[in-house]
Amino acid sequence: MLTVCDPKLVGEGNPNRCLYFDGEDVGKPKAERLCAKAQPDFSQLLLNPVNDVLESIVKDRAGCGESLLPSIAAGRAVPYKTSYLSKS
């Protein structure tokens, strides 16, 4: 399973930057639309959309043994704190 986190909606400029988005996706949740459209290309992998930021996912799953794969989008690194990964 791959969890895709993004709290934002698809904007007017997103279809130009993401092959999975088109004009019909504008105004809809990015994570949901990306997972729905990309899932057929990744049949051996379950894409799990979450309409939230990575930080909240890390906090919710701290200590569960899952791996994180932060991405870099539009030149911005996705921040997360490794302290969320410890069992406190």
N, C-alpha and C. Protein backbone atom coordinates (compact mmCIF):
# COMPACT_ATOMS: atom_id res chain seq x y z
N MET A 1 0.85 -1.17 0.00
CA MET A 1 0.00 0.00 0.00
C MET A 1 0.89 1.23 0.00
N LEU A 2 0.48 2.23 -0.78
CA LEU A 2 1.16 3.51 -0.82
C LEU A 2 0.14 4.58 -0.47
N THR A 3 0.39 5.30 0.62
CA THR A 3 -0.50 6.37 1.04
C THR A 3 -0.06 7.66 0.38
N VAL A 4 -1.00 8.32 -0.27
CA VAL A 4 -0.74 9.59 -0.95
C VAL A 4 -1.41 10.68 -0.13
N CYS A 5 -0.61 11.60 0.40
CA CYS A 5 -1.13 12.68 1.26
C CYS A 5 -1.10 14.01 0.51
N ASP A 6 -2.22 14.69 0.51
CA ASP A 6 -2.28 16.05 -0.02
C ASP A 6 -3.58 16.68 0.46
N PRO A 7 -3.50 17.78 1.20
CA PRO A 7 -4.70 18.40 1.73
C PRO A 7 -5.39 19.35 0.74
N LYS A 8 -4.76 19.58 -0.40
CA LYS A 8 -5.25 20.60 -1.32
C LYS A 8 -6.17 20.03 -2.39
N LEU A 9 -6.81 20.96 -3.09
CA LEU A 9 -7.65 20.63 -4.24
C LEU A 9 -6.85 20.82 -5.52
N VAL A 10 -7.24 20.12 -6.56
CA VAL A 10 -6.60 20.29 -7.86
C VAL A 10 -6.90 21.71 -8.34
N GLY A 11 -5.84 22.43 -8.70
CA GLY A 11 -5.98 23.80 -9.19
C GLY A 11 -5.95 23.86 -10.70
N GLU A 12 -6.21 25.02 -11.23
CA GLU A 12 -6.24 25.23 -12.69
C GLU A 12 -4.92 24.84 -13.36
N GLY A 13 -3.79 25.07 -12.68
CA GLY A 13 -2.49 24.78 -13.27
C GLY A 13 -2.02 23.35 -13.10
N ASN A 14 -2.66 22.58 -12.25
CA ASN A 14 -2.21 21.21 -12.00
C ASN A 14 -2.27 20.28 -13.21
N PRO A 15 -3.31 20.36 -14.05
CA PRO A 15 -3.32 19.46 -15.22
C PRO A 15 -2.11 19.63 -16.14
N ASN A 16 -1.47 20.79 -16.11
CA ASN A 16 -0.27 21.01 -16.92
C ASN A 16 0.96 20.35 -16.33
N ARG A 17 0.91 20.04 -15.02
CA ARG A 17 2.08 19.49 -14.33
C ARG A 17 1.93 18.03 -13.95
N CYS A 18 0.75 17.49 -14.02
CA CYS A 18 0.53 16.10 -13.62
C CYS A 18 -0.25 15.38 -14.70
N LEU A 19 0.32 14.32 -15.22
CA LEU A 19 -0.32 13.59 -16.32
C LEU A 19 -1.65 12.97 -15.95
N TYR A 20 -1.88 12.75 -14.68
CA TYR A 20 -3.12 12.10 -14.26
C TYR A 20 -4.29 13.07 -14.08
N PHE A 21 -4.02 14.37 -14.03
CA PHE A 21 -5.09 15.35 -13.86
C PHE A 21 -5.54 15.93 -15.19
N ASP A 22 -6.84 16.23 -15.26
CA ASP A 22 -7.36 16.98 -16.41
C ASP A 22 -8.34 18.03 -15.89
N GLY A 23 -8.95 18.77 -16.78
CA GLY A 23 -9.83 19.85 -16.40
C GLY A 23 -10.99 19.44 -15.51
N GLU A 24 -11.47 18.22 -15.65
CA GLU A 24 -12.58 17.74 -14.82
C GLU A 24 -12.19 17.54 -13.36
N ASP A 25 -10.89 17.48 -13.08
CA ASP A 25 -10.41 17.27 -11.71
C ASP A 25 -10.29 18.57 -10.93
N VAL A 26 -10.30 19.71 -11.60
CA VAL A 26 -10.13 21.00 -10.94
C VAL A 26 -11.21 21.19 -9.88
N GLY A 27 -10.74 21.55 -8.66
CA GLY A 27 -11.65 21.76 -7.54
C GLY A 27 -11.92 20.53 -6.70
N LYS A 28 -11.36 19.40 -7.10
CA LYS A 28 -11.56 18.14 -6.36
C LYS A 28 -10.28 17.81 -5.58
N PRO A 29 -10.37 17.00 -4.53
CA PRO A 29 -9.19 16.67 -3.72
C PRO A 29 -8.09 15.99 -4.54
N LYS A 30 -6.88 16.54 -4.43
CA LYS A 30 -5.74 16.02 -5.21
C LYS A 30 -5.45 14.54 -4.91
N ALA A 31 -5.35 14.19 -3.64
CA ALA A 31 -4.98 12.82 -3.28
C ALA A 31 -5.99 11.83 -3.83
N GLU A 32 -7.27 12.13 -3.69
CA GLU A 32 -8.32 11.22 -4.18
C GLU A 32 -8.28 11.07 -5.69
N ARG A 33 -8.14 12.19 -6.39
CA ARG A 33 -8.14 12.14 -7.86
C ARG A 33 -6.90 11.41 -8.38
N LEU A 34 -5.74 11.70 -7.79
CA LEU A 34 -4.51 11.05 -8.23
C LEU A 34 -4.59 9.54 -8.03
N CYS A 35 -5.02 9.12 -6.87
CA CYS A 35 -5.11 7.68 -6.59
C CYS A 35 -6.11 7.00 -7.52
N ALA A 36 -7.25 7.62 -7.72
CA ALA A 36 -8.28 7.02 -8.59
C ALA A 36 -7.79 6.87 -10.02
N LYS A 37 -7.10 7.89 -10.51
CA LYS A 37 -6.65 7.84 -11.91
C LYS A 37 -5.37 7.03 -12.11
N ALA A 38 -4.51 6.98 -11.10
CA ALA A 38 -3.24 6.25 -11.23
C ALA A 38 -3.38 4.77 -10.89
N GLN A 39 -4.39 4.39 -10.12
CA GLN A 39 -4.53 3.01 -9.67
C GLN A 39 -4.45 1.98 -10.79
N PRO A 40 -5.09 2.19 -11.95
CA PRO A 40 -4.99 1.19 -13.03
C PRO A 40 -3.56 0.95 -13.51
N ASP A 41 -2.69 1.94 -13.37
CA ASP A 41 -1.30 1.79 -13.80
C ASP A 41 -0.44 1.06 -12.76
N PHE A 42 -0.98 0.88 -11.57
CA PHE A 42 -0.25 0.23 -10.48
C PHE A 42 -1.11 -0.88 -9.88
N SER A 43 -1.43 -1.85 -10.67
CA SER A 43 -2.36 -2.90 -10.26
C SER A 43 -1.85 -3.76 -9.10
N GLN A 44 -0.55 -3.81 -8.90
CA GLN A 44 0.02 -4.62 -7.82
C GLN A 44 0.20 -3.82 -6.53
N LEU A 45 -0.25 -2.57 -6.54
CA LEU A 45 -0.05 -1.68 -5.41
C LEU A 45 -1.37 -0.97 -5.10
N LEU A 46 -1.77 -0.97 -3.84
CA LEU A 46 -2.97 -0.25 -3.45
C LEU A 46 -2.60 1.19 -3.14
N LEU A 47 -3.21 2.14 -3.84
CA LEU A 47 -2.99 3.56 -3.60
C LEU A 47 -4.06 4.04 -2.63
N ASN A 48 -3.63 4.60 -1.51
CA ASN A 48 -4.52 5.01 -0.43
C ASN A 48 -4.52 6.54 -0.30
N PRO A 49 -5.58 7.23 -0.74
CA PRO A 49 -5.60 8.69 -0.65
C PRO A 49 -5.92 9.19 0.75
N VAL A 50 -5.20 10.23 1.17
CA VAL A 50 -5.47 10.89 2.45
C VAL A 50 -5.46 12.38 2.19
N ASN A 51 -6.58 13.03 2.48
CA ASN A 51 -6.70 14.47 2.26
C ASN A 51 -6.20 15.23 3.48
N ASP A 52 -4.91 15.10 3.74
CA ASP A 52 -4.29 15.73 4.90
C ASP A 52 -2.80 15.88 4.62
N VAL A 53 -2.10 16.51 5.53
CA VAL A 53 -0.66 16.71 5.38
C VAL A 53 0.10 15.51 5.93
N LEU A 54 1.31 15.33 5.45
CA LEU A 54 2.15 14.21 5.87
C LEU A 54 2.37 14.22 7.38
N GLU A 55 2.54 15.39 7.96
CA GLU A 55 2.80 15.48 9.39
C GLU A 55 1.73 14.78 10.22
N SER A 56 0.47 14.93 9.85
CA SER A 56 -0.59 14.29 10.62
C SER A 56 -0.58 12.78 10.45
N ILE A 57 -0.20 12.31 9.29
CA ILE A 57 -0.11 10.86 9.05
C ILE A 57 1.02 10.28 9.88
N VAL A 58 2.14 10.97 9.92
CA VAL A 58 3.29 10.50 10.69
C VAL A 58 2.93 10.43 12.16
N LYS A 59 2.25 11.45 12.67
CA LYS A 59 1.85 11.46 14.08
C LYS A 59 0.90 10.31 14.38
N ASP A 60 -0.06 10.08 13.49
CA ASP A 60 -1.06 9.02 13.70
C ASP A 60 -0.44 7.63 13.66
N ARG A 61 0.62 7.46 12.90
CA ARG A 61 1.19 6.12 12.68
C ARG A 61 2.54 5.94 13.35
N ALA A 62 2.91 6.80 14.24
CA ALA A 62 4.21 6.73 14.90
C ALA A 62 4.41 5.35 15.53
N GLY A 63 5.56 4.76 15.24
CA GLY A 63 5.92 3.50 15.85
C GLY A 63 5.28 2.28 15.23
N CYS A 64 4.59 2.43 14.11
CA CYS A 64 3.90 1.27 13.54
C CYS A 64 4.77 0.48 12.57
N GLY A 65 6.01 0.95 12.33
CA GLY A 65 6.92 0.19 11.49
C GLY A 65 6.78 0.45 10.00
N GLU A 66 5.95 1.39 9.60
CA GLU A 66 5.81 1.70 8.18
C GLU A 66 6.95 2.59 7.71
N SER A 67 7.27 2.49 6.44
CA SER A 67 8.28 3.35 5.84
C SER A 67 7.61 4.61 5.31
N LEU A 68 8.36 5.70 5.31
CA LEU A 68 7.87 6.96 4.75
C LEU A 68 8.67 7.29 3.50
N LEU A 69 7.99 7.80 2.51
CA LEU A 69 8.63 8.22 1.27
C LEU A 69 8.21 9.66 0.99
N PRO A 70 8.86 10.62 1.65
CA PRO A 70 8.49 12.02 1.39
C PRO A 70 8.85 12.37 -0.04
N SER A 71 8.02 13.21 -0.66
CA SER A 71 8.29 13.61 -2.03
C SER A 71 8.66 15.08 -2.08
N ILE A 72 9.22 15.46 -3.19
CA ILE A 72 9.51 16.87 -3.43
C ILE A 72 8.60 17.28 -4.58
N ALA A 73 7.73 18.24 -4.32
CA ALA A 73 6.78 18.68 -5.33
C ALA A 73 6.96 20.17 -5.60
N ALA A 74 6.99 20.52 -6.85
CA ALA A 74 7.09 21.91 -7.26
C ALA A 74 8.25 22.63 -6.57
N GLY A 75 9.35 21.92 -6.36
CA GLY A 75 10.53 22.53 -5.77
C GLY A 75 10.48 22.70 -4.26
N ARG A 76 9.46 22.18 -3.61
CA ARG A 76 9.34 22.31 -2.16
C ARG A 76 9.53 20.94 -1.52
N ALA A 77 10.45 20.87 -0.60
CA ALA A 77 10.63 19.61 0.12
C ALA A 77 9.48 19.46 1.12
N VAL A 78 9.00 18.26 1.26
CA VAL A 78 7.94 17.99 2.22
C VAL A 78 8.58 17.78 3.58
N PRO A 79 8.32 18.68 4.55
CA PRO A 79 8.97 18.55 5.86
C PRO A 79 8.29 17.52 6.75
N TYR A 80 9.07 16.81 7.51
CA TYR A 80 8.54 15.96 8.57
C TYR A 80 9.60 15.84 9.63
N LYS A 81 9.16 15.57 10.83
CA LYS A 81 10.07 15.49 11.96
C LYS A 81 10.25 14.03 12.33
N THR A 82 11.51 13.60 12.39
CA THR A 82 11.77 12.20 12.73
C THR A 82 11.34 11.88 14.15
N SER A 83 11.17 12.90 14.98
CA SER A 83 10.75 12.64 16.36
C SER A 83 9.36 12.01 16.39
N TYR A 84 8.54 12.21 15.35
CA TYR A 84 7.23 11.60 15.30
C TYR A 84 7.32 10.08 15.13
N LEU A 85 8.47 9.62 14.67
CA LEU A 85 8.62 8.19 14.41
C LEU A 85 8.98 7.40 15.66
N SER A 86 9.41 8.08 16.69
CA SER A 86 9.80 7.37 17.91
C SER A 86 8.55 6.99 18.71
N LYS A 87 8.69 5.95 19.49
CA LYS A 87 7.59 5.51 20.35
C LYS A 87 7.68 6.27 21.67
N SER A 88 6.92 7.34 21.79
CA SER A 88 7.01 8.12 23.03
C SER A 88 5.81 7.95 23.90
